[in-house]
Each structure stands twice: as structure tokens, then as C-alpha cells.
Amino acid sequence: FGYLGFLRDWLGALNIWMNDSFYWAIFGIFTAIYV
């Protein structure tokens, strides 16, 4: 039915952005929990 192209375009336009501080914070939180 051709709706995969719509999903591909929608996902291609979706560009969620987080800076490096966010990723370091997540990594640090999980590290502390795992310890």
C-alpha cells in the first residue's frame, strides 16, 4: 500500500538532538546504579 515511504520520510525528518552533557549524565547515572 506504499505507506513505508511516508514512515521513512517522517523518521528522516525526525532529528532529536541532545548535547554531550546529556549522554555523559545518562552514562554516569547508569554507572552509579550498576556499581
All heavy atoms as atom14 arrays in JSON, in Angstrom:
{
  "sequence": "FGYLGFLRDWLGALNIWMNDSFYWAIFGIFTAIYV",
  "atom14_mask": [
    [1, 1, 1, 1, 1, 1, 1, 1, 1, 1, 1, 0, 0, 0],
    [1, 1, 1, 1, 0, 0, 0, 0, 0, 0, 0, 0, 0, 0],
    [1, 1, 1, 1, 1, 1, 1, 1, 1, 1, 1, 1, 0, 0],
    [1, 1, 1, 1, 1, 1, 1, 1, 0, 0, 0, 0, 0, 0],
    [1, 1, 1, 1, 0, 0, 0, 0, 0, 0, 0, 0, 0, 0],
    [1, 1, 1, 1, 1, 1, 1, 1, 1, 1, 1, 0, 0, 0],
    [1, 1, 1, 1, 1, 1, 1, 1, 0, 0, 0, 0, 0, 0],
    [1, 1, 1, 1, 1, 1, 1, 1, 1, 1, 1, 0, 0, 0],
    [1, 1, 1, 1, 1, 1, 1, 1, 0, 0, 0, 0, 0, 0],
    [1, 1, 1, 1, 1, 1, 1, 1, 1, 1, 1, 1, 1, 1],
    [1, 1, 1, 1, 1, 1, 1, 1, 0, 0, 0, 0, 0, 0],
    [1, 1, 1, 1, 0, 0, 0, 0, 0, 0, 0, 0, 0, 0],
    [1, 1, 1, 1, 1, 0, 0, 0, 0, 0, 0, 0, 0, 0],
    [1, 1, 1, 1, 1, 1, 1, 1, 0, 0, 0, 0, 0, 0],
    [1, 1, 1, 1, 1, 1, 1, 1, 0, 0, 0, 0, 0, 0],
    [1, 1, 1, 1, 1, 1, 1, 1, 0, 0, 0, 0, 0, 0],
    [1, 1, 1, 1, 1, 1, 1, 1, 1, 1, 1, 1, 1, 1],
    [1, 1, 1, 1, 1, 1, 1, 1, 0, 0, 0, 0, 0, 0],
    [1, 1, 1, 1, 1, 1, 1, 1, 0, 0, 0, 0, 0, 0],
    [1, 1, 1, 1, 1, 1, 1, 1, 0, 0, 0, 0, 0, 0],
    [1, 1, 1, 1, 1, 1, 0, 0, 0, 0, 0, 0, 0, 0],
    [1, 1, 1, 1, 1, 1, 1, 1, 1, 1, 1, 0, 0, 0],
    [1, 1, 1, 1, 1, 1, 1, 1, 1, 1, 1, 1, 0, 0],
    [1, 1, 1, 1, 1, 1, 1, 1, 1, 1, 1, 1, 1, 1],
    [1, 1, 1, 1, 1, 0, 0, 0, 0, 0, 0, 0, 0, 0],
    [1, 1, 1, 1, 1, 1, 1, 1, 0, 0, 0, 0, 0, 0],
    [1, 1, 1, 1, 1, 1, 1, 1, 1, 1, 1, 0, 0, 0],
    [1, 1, 1, 1, 0, 0, 0, 0, 0, 0, 0, 0, 0, 0],
    [1, 1, 1, 1, 1, 1, 1, 1, 0, 0, 0, 0, 0, 0],
    [1, 1, 1, 1, 1, 1, 1, 1, 1, 1, 1, 0, 0, 0],
    [1, 1, 1, 1, 1, 1, 1, 0, 0, 0, 0, 0, 0, 0],
    [1, 1, 1, 1, 1, 0, 0, 0, 0, 0, 0, 0, 0, 0],
    [1, 1, 1, 1, 1, 1, 1, 1, 0, 0, 0, 0, 0, 0],
    [1, 1, 1, 1, 1, 1, 1, 1, 1, 1, 1, 1, 0, 0],
    [1, 1, 1, 1, 1, 1, 1, 0, 0, 0, 0, 0, 0, 0]
  ],
  "atom14_positions": [
    [[0.82, -1.22, 0.0], [0.0, 0.0, 0.0], [0.85, 1.27, 0.0], [0.3, 2.37, -0.05], [-0.93, 0.0, 1.21], [-1.93, -1.12, 1.2], [-1.75, -2.24, 2.0], [-3.05, -1.07, 0.37], [-2.67, -3.29, 1.99], [-3.96, -2.11, 0.35], [-3.78, -3.23, 1.16], [0.0, 0.0, 0.0], [0.0, 0.0, 0.0], [0.0, 0.0, 0.0]],
    [[2.15, 1.14, 0.11], [3.03, 2.29, -0.08], [3.15, 3.25, 1.09], [3.52, 4.4, 0.86], [0.0, 0.0, 0.0], [0.0, 0.0, 0.0], [0.0, 0.0, 0.0], [0.0, 0.0, 0.0], [0.0, 0.0, 0.0], [0.0, 0.0, 0.0], [0.0, 0.0, 0.0], [0.0, 0.0, 0.0], [0.0, 0.0, 0.0], [0.0, 0.0, 0.0]],
    [[2.82, 2.82, 2.31], [2.96, 3.76, 3.43], [4.34, 3.68, 4.09], [4.62, 4.45, 5.01], [1.87, 3.55, 4.48], [1.81, 2.16, 5.08], [2.72, 1.74, 6.03], [0.8, 1.28, 4.7], [2.64, 0.47, 6.58], [0.72, 0.02, 5.24], [1.63, -0.39, 6.18], [1.55, -1.64, 6.73], [0.0, 0.0, 0.0], [0.0, 0.0, 0.0]],
    [[5.2, 2.78, 3.66], [6.54, 2.73, 4.23], [7.35, 3.96, 3.82], [8.22, 4.41, 4.58], [7.26, 1.45, 3.78], [6.73, 0.15, 4.38], [7.57, -1.03, 3.87], [6.75, 0.18, 5.89], [0.0, 0.0, 0.0], [0.0, 0.0, 0.0], [0.0, 0.0, 0.0], [0.0, 0.0, 0.0], [0.0, 0.0, 0.0], [0.0, 0.0, 0.0]],
    [[7.08, 4.49, 2.63], [7.78, 5.71, 2.22], [7.45, 6.88, 3.11], [8.32, 7.69, 3.45], [0.0, 0.0, 0.0], [0.0, 0.0, 0.0], [0.0, 0.0, 0.0], [0.0, 0.0, 0.0], [0.0, 0.0, 0.0], [0.0, 0.0, 0.0], [0.0, 0.0, 0.0], [0.0, 0.0, 0.0], [0.0, 0.0, 0.0], [0.0, 0.0, 0.0]],
    [[6.18, 6.97, 3.55], [5.79, 8.04, 4.47], [6.53, 7.9, 5.8], [7.02, 8.89, 6.37], [4.28, 8.0, 4.68], [3.81, 8.86, 5.81], [3.71, 10.24, 5.66], [3.48, 8.29, 7.05], [3.28, 11.04, 6.72], [3.05, 9.08, 8.1], [2.95, 10.46, 7.93], [0.0, 0.0, 0.0], [0.0, 0.0, 0.0], [0.0, 0.0, 0.0]],
    [[6.61, 6.67, 6.31], [7.33, 6.46, 7.56], [8.8, 6.78, 7.42], [9.41, 7.34, 8.32], [7.14, 5.0, 8.02], [5.74, 4.61, 8.48], [5.69, 3.12, 8.84], [5.29, 5.45, 9.67], [0.0, 0.0, 0.0], [0.0, 0.0, 0.0], [0.0, 0.0, 0.0], [0.0, 0.0, 0.0], [0.0, 0.0, 0.0], [0.0, 0.0, 0.0]],
    [[9.39, 6.42, 6.27], [10.8, 6.72, 6.05], [11.04, 8.23, 6.02], [12.0, 8.73, 6.63], [11.26, 6.09, 4.74], [12.75, 6.3, 4.46], [13.17, 5.75, 3.11], [12.55, 6.52, 2.02], [11.61, 6.02, 1.23], [11.2, 4.77, 1.38], [11.07, 6.76, 0.26], [0.0, 0.0, 0.0], [0.0, 0.0, 0.0], [0.0, 0.0, 0.0]],
    [[10.15, 8.97, 5.37], [10.3, 10.42, 5.31], [10.1, 11.04, 6.69], [10.81, 12.0, 7.06], [9.3, 11.02, 4.32], [9.57, 10.56, 2.89], [10.71, 10.13, 2.61], [8.62, 10.59, 2.08], [0.0, 0.0, 0.0], [0.0, 0.0, 0.0], [0.0, 0.0, 0.0], [0.0, 0.0, 0.0], [0.0, 0.0, 0.0], [0.0, 0.0, 0.0]],
    [[9.14, 10.49, 7.46], [8.88, 11.04, 8.79], [10.06, 10.8, 9.72], [10.49, 11.7, 10.45], [7.62, 10.4, 9.36], [7.28, 10.91, 10.73], [6.7, 12.1, 11.04], [7.51, 10.23, 11.97], [6.55, 12.22, 12.41], [7.04, 11.08, 13.0], [8.05, 9.0, 12.31], [7.11, 10.73, 14.34], [8.13, 8.65, 13.65], [7.66, 9.51, 14.65]],
    [[10.62, 9.59, 9.66], [11.78, 9.28, 10.5], [13.0, 10.08, 10.05], [13.84, 10.49, 10.87], [12.09, 7.78, 10.47], [11.07, 6.89, 11.18], [11.43, 5.41, 10.97], [11.0, 7.2, 12.67], [0.0, 0.0, 0.0], [0.0, 0.0, 0.0], [0.0, 0.0, 0.0], [0.0, 0.0, 0.0], [0.0, 0.0, 0.0], [0.0, 0.0, 0.0]],
    [[13.11, 10.32, 8.73], [14.24, 11.09, 8.24], [14.17, 12.54, 8.69], [15.21, 13.17, 8.94], [0.0, 0.0, 0.0], [0.0, 0.0, 0.0], [0.0, 0.0, 0.0], [0.0, 0.0, 0.0], [0.0, 0.0, 0.0], [0.0, 0.0, 0.0], [0.0, 0.0, 0.0], [0.0, 0.0, 0.0], [0.0, 0.0, 0.0], [0.0, 0.0, 0.0]],
    [[12.96, 13.08, 8.81], [12.8, 14.47, 9.28], [12.9, 14.58, 10.79], [13.12, 15.68, 11.31], [11.45, 15.03, 8.81], [0.0, 0.0, 0.0], [0.0, 0.0, 0.0], [0.0, 0.0, 0.0], [0.0, 0.0, 0.0], [0.0, 0.0, 0.0], [0.0, 0.0, 0.0], [0.0, 0.0, 0.0], [0.0, 0.0, 0.0], [0.0, 0.0, 0.0]],
    [[12.77, 13.45, 11.49], [12.85, 13.48, 12.95], [14.31, 13.43, 13.36], [15.0, 12.42, 13.21], [12.1, 12.27, 13.53], [12.0, 12.19, 15.05], [11.17, 13.36, 15.6], [11.37, 10.87, 15.47], [0.0, 0.0, 0.0], [0.0, 0.0, 0.0], [0.0, 0.0, 0.0], [0.0, 0.0, 0.0], [0.0, 0.0, 0.0], [0.0, 0.0, 0.0]],
    [[14.8, 14.52, 13.88], [16.21, 14.61, 14.29], [16.27, 15.11, 15.73], [16.42, 16.31, 15.99], [16.98, 15.53, 13.34], [18.48, 15.49, 13.62], [18.97, 14.61, 14.33], [19.22, 16.45, 13.07], [0.0, 0.0, 0.0], [0.0, 0.0, 0.0], [0.0, 0.0, 0.0], [0.0, 0.0, 0.0], [0.0, 0.0, 0.0], [0.0, 0.0, 0.0]],
    [[16.12, 14.21, 16.65], [16.19, 14.56, 18.07], [17.64, 14.85, 18.42], [18.55, 14.1, 18.05], [15.64, 13.4, 18.93], [14.2, 13.09, 18.53], [15.72, 13.73, 20.41], [13.62, 11.88, 19.21], [0.0, 0.0, 0.0], [0.0, 0.0, 0.0], [0.0, 0.0, 0.0], [0.0, 0.0, 0.0], [0.0, 0.0, 0.0], [0.0, 0.0, 0.0]],
    [[17.86, 15.94, 19.16], [19.24, 16.35, 19.45], [19.44, 16.5, 20.95], [18.62, 17.09, 21.65], [19.55, 17.67, 18.75], [20.98, 18.11, 18.98], [22.07, 17.74, 18.27], [21.44, 18.99, 20.01], [23.2, 18.33, 18.79], [22.83, 19.11, 19.85], [20.81, 19.69, 21.04], [23.62, 19.89, 20.7], [21.59, 20.47, 21.88], [22.97, 20.58, 21.71]],
    [[20.52, 15.92, 21.44], [20.99, 16.12, 22.82], [22.49, 16.37, 22.76], [23.18, 15.77, 21.93], [20.7, 14.9, 23.7], [19.23, 14.72, 24.04], [18.31, 13.82, 22.78], [18.83, 12.13, 23.12], [0.0, 0.0, 0.0], [0.0, 0.0, 0.0], [0.0, 0.0, 0.0], [0.0, 0.0, 0.0], [0.0, 0.0, 0.0], [0.0, 0.0, 0.0]],
    [[22.97, 17.24, 23.63], [24.41, 17.51, 23.61], [25.17, 16.43, 24.38], [24.59, 15.51, 24.95], [24.71, 18.91, 24.18], [24.24, 19.04, 25.62], [23.85, 18.08, 26.26], [24.3, 20.24, 26.14], [0.0, 0.0, 0.0], [0.0, 0.0, 0.0], [0.0, 0.0, 0.0], [0.0, 0.0, 0.0], [0.0, 0.0, 0.0], [0.0, 0.0, 0.0]],
    [[26.48, 16.55, 24.4], [27.3, 15.52, 25.02], [27.09, 15.44, 26.52], [27.25, 14.37, 27.11], [28.78, 15.76, 24.71], [29.26, 17.11, 25.23], [28.42, 18.01, 25.44], [30.48, 17.27, 25.43], [0.0, 0.0, 0.0], [0.0, 0.0, 0.0], [0.0, 0.0, 0.0], [0.0, 0.0, 0.0], [0.0, 0.0, 0.0], [0.0, 0.0, 0.0]],
    [[26.71, 16.56, 27.14], [26.48, 16.54, 28.6], [25.33, 15.6, 28.96], [25.37, 14.92, 30.0], [26.18, 17.95, 29.11], [27.28, 18.81, 28.88], [0.0, 0.0, 0.0], [0.0, 0.0, 0.0], [0.0, 0.0, 0.0], [0.0, 0.0, 0.0], [0.0, 0.0, 0.0], [0.0, 0.0, 0.0], [0.0, 0.0, 0.0], [0.0, 0.0, 0.0]],
    [[24.31, 15.56, 28.12], [23.19, 14.66, 28.38], [23.65, 13.2, 28.37], [23.33, 12.43, 29.28], [22.1, 14.87, 27.32], [20.99, 13.86, 27.37], [19.94, 14.0, 28.26], [21.01, 12.75, 26.53], [18.92, 13.06, 28.31], [19.99, 11.8, 26.57], [18.95, 11.97, 27.47], [0.0, 0.0, 0.0], [0.0, 0.0, 0.0], [0.0, 0.0, 0.0]],
    [[24.43, 12.84, 27.34], [24.88, 11.45, 27.25], [25.83, 11.09, 28.4], [25.77, 9.98, 28.93], [25.56, 11.23, 25.9], [24.64, 11.43, 24.72], [24.87, 12.43, 23.79], [23.54, 10.61, 24.54], [24.03, 12.61, 22.71], [22.68, 10.78, 23.46], [22.94, 11.79, 22.55], [22.09, 11.96, 21.48], [0.0, 0.0, 0.0], [0.0, 0.0, 0.0]],
    [[26.7, 12.01, 28.77], [27.59, 11.74, 29.91], [26.79, 11.58, 31.19], [27.13, 10.74, 32.04], [28.6, 12.88, 30.06], [29.76, 12.83, 29.13], [30.11, 13.77, 28.2], [30.73, 11.78, 29.0], [31.22, 13.38, 27.5], [31.63, 12.16, 27.98], [30.91, 10.57, 29.65], [32.71, 11.36, 27.61], [31.99, 9.77, 29.28], [32.87, 10.16, 28.26]],
    [[25.72, 12.39, 31.35], [24.89, 12.27, 32.55], [24.2, 10.92, 32.6], [24.17, 10.25, 33.66], [23.86, 13.4, 32.59], [0.0, 0.0, 0.0], [0.0, 0.0, 0.0], [0.0, 0.0, 0.0], [0.0, 0.0, 0.0], [0.0, 0.0, 0.0], [0.0, 0.0, 0.0], [0.0, 0.0, 0.0], [0.0, 0.0, 0.0], [0.0, 0.0, 0.0]],
    [[23.64, 10.47, 31.48], [22.98, 9.17, 31.44], [23.98, 8.05, 31.72], [23.71, 7.13, 32.5], [22.3, 8.95, 30.07], [21.15, 9.96, 29.89], [21.76, 7.53, 29.96], [20.03, 9.82, 30.88], [0.0, 0.0, 0.0], [0.0, 0.0, 0.0], [0.0, 0.0, 0.0], [0.0, 0.0, 0.0], [0.0, 0.0, 0.0], [0.0, 0.0, 0.0]],
    [[25.15, 8.14, 31.11], [26.17, 7.13, 31.33], [26.6, 7.11, 32.8], [26.77, 6.04, 33.4], [27.38, 7.39, 30.43], [28.52, 6.45, 30.67], [28.47, 5.15, 30.18], [29.63, 6.87, 31.37], [29.53, 4.27, 30.41], [30.69, 6.0, 31.6], [30.64, 4.69, 31.12], [0.0, 0.0, 0.0], [0.0, 0.0, 0.0], [0.0, 0.0, 0.0]],
    [[26.75, 8.28, 33.4], [27.15, 8.35, 34.81], [26.08, 7.79, 35.74], [26.4, 7.1, 36.72], [0.0, 0.0, 0.0], [0.0, 0.0, 0.0], [0.0, 0.0, 0.0], [0.0, 0.0, 0.0], [0.0, 0.0, 0.0], [0.0, 0.0, 0.0], [0.0, 0.0, 0.0], [0.0, 0.0, 0.0], [0.0, 0.0, 0.0], [0.0, 0.0, 0.0]],
    [[24.82, 8.08, 35.45], [23.73, 7.59, 36.31], [23.68, 6.07, 36.27], [23.6, 5.4, 37.32], [22.39, 8.2, 35.85], [22.34, 9.7, 36.17], [21.21, 7.48, 36.51], [21.15, 10.41, 35.59], [0.0, 0.0, 0.0], [0.0, 0.0, 0.0], [0.0, 0.0, 0.0], [0.0, 0.0, 0.0], [0.0, 0.0, 0.0], [0.0, 0.0, 0.0]],
    [[23.73, 5.5, 35.06], [23.69, 4.04, 34.96], [24.93, 3.4, 35.59], [24.83, 2.34, 36.2], [23.56, 3.61, 33.5], [22.16, 3.6, 33.0], [21.75, 4.46, 31.99], [21.22, 2.72, 33.52], [20.44, 4.45, 31.53], [19.91, 2.7, 33.07], [19.52, 3.57, 32.06], [0.0, 0.0, 0.0], [0.0, 0.0, 0.0], [0.0, 0.0, 0.0]],
    [[26.08, 4.05, 35.44], [27.29, 3.51, 36.06], [27.15, 3.45, 37.57], [27.52, 2.44, 38.2], [28.51, 4.36, 35.66], [28.66, 4.36, 34.24], [29.77, 3.81, 36.29], [0.0, 0.0, 0.0], [0.0, 0.0, 0.0], [0.0, 0.0, 0.0], [0.0, 0.0, 0.0], [0.0, 0.0, 0.0], [0.0, 0.0, 0.0], [0.0, 0.0, 0.0]],
    [[26.65, 4.52, 38.17], [26.46, 4.54, 39.62], [25.48, 3.45, 40.06], [25.7, 2.76, 41.07], [25.97, 5.91, 40.07], [0.0, 0.0, 0.0], [0.0, 0.0, 0.0], [0.0, 0.0, 0.0], [0.0, 0.0, 0.0], [0.0, 0.0, 0.0], [0.0, 0.0, 0.0], [0.0, 0.0, 0.0], [0.0, 0.0, 0.0], [0.0, 0.0, 0.0]],
    [[24.39, 3.28, 39.32], [23.41, 2.26, 39.66], [24.02, 0.87, 39.54], [23.82, 0.01, 40.41], [22.17, 2.39, 38.76], [21.42, 3.69, 39.08], [21.24, 1.18, 38.94], [20.24, 3.95, 38.17], [0.0, 0.0, 0.0], [0.0, 0.0, 0.0], [0.0, 0.0, 0.0], [0.0, 0.0, 0.0], [0.0, 0.0, 0.0], [0.0, 0.0, 0.0]],
    [[24.8, 0.63, 38.5], [25.4, -0.69, 38.31], [26.43, -1.0, 39.4], [26.58, -2.15, 39.81], [26.04, -0.78, 36.93], [25.04, -0.93, 35.82], [25.34, -0.55, 34.51], [23.78, -1.45, 36.06], [24.42, -0.69, 33.49], [22.86, -1.59, 35.04], [23.18, -1.21, 33.76], [22.25, -1.35, 32.75], [0.0, 0.0, 0.0], [0.0, 0.0, 0.0]],
    [[27.14, 0.02, 39.86], [28.08, -0.2, 40.97], [27.32, -0.6, 42.23], [27.73, -1.52, 42.95], [28.92, 1.07, 41.21], [29.71, 0.96, 42.51], [29.87, 1.31, 40.04], [0.0, 0.0, 0.0], [0.0, 0.0, 0.0], [0.0, 0.0, 0.0], [0.0, 0.0, 0.0], [0.0, 0.0, 0.0], [0.0, 0.0, 0.0], [0.0, 0.0, 0.0]]
  ]
}
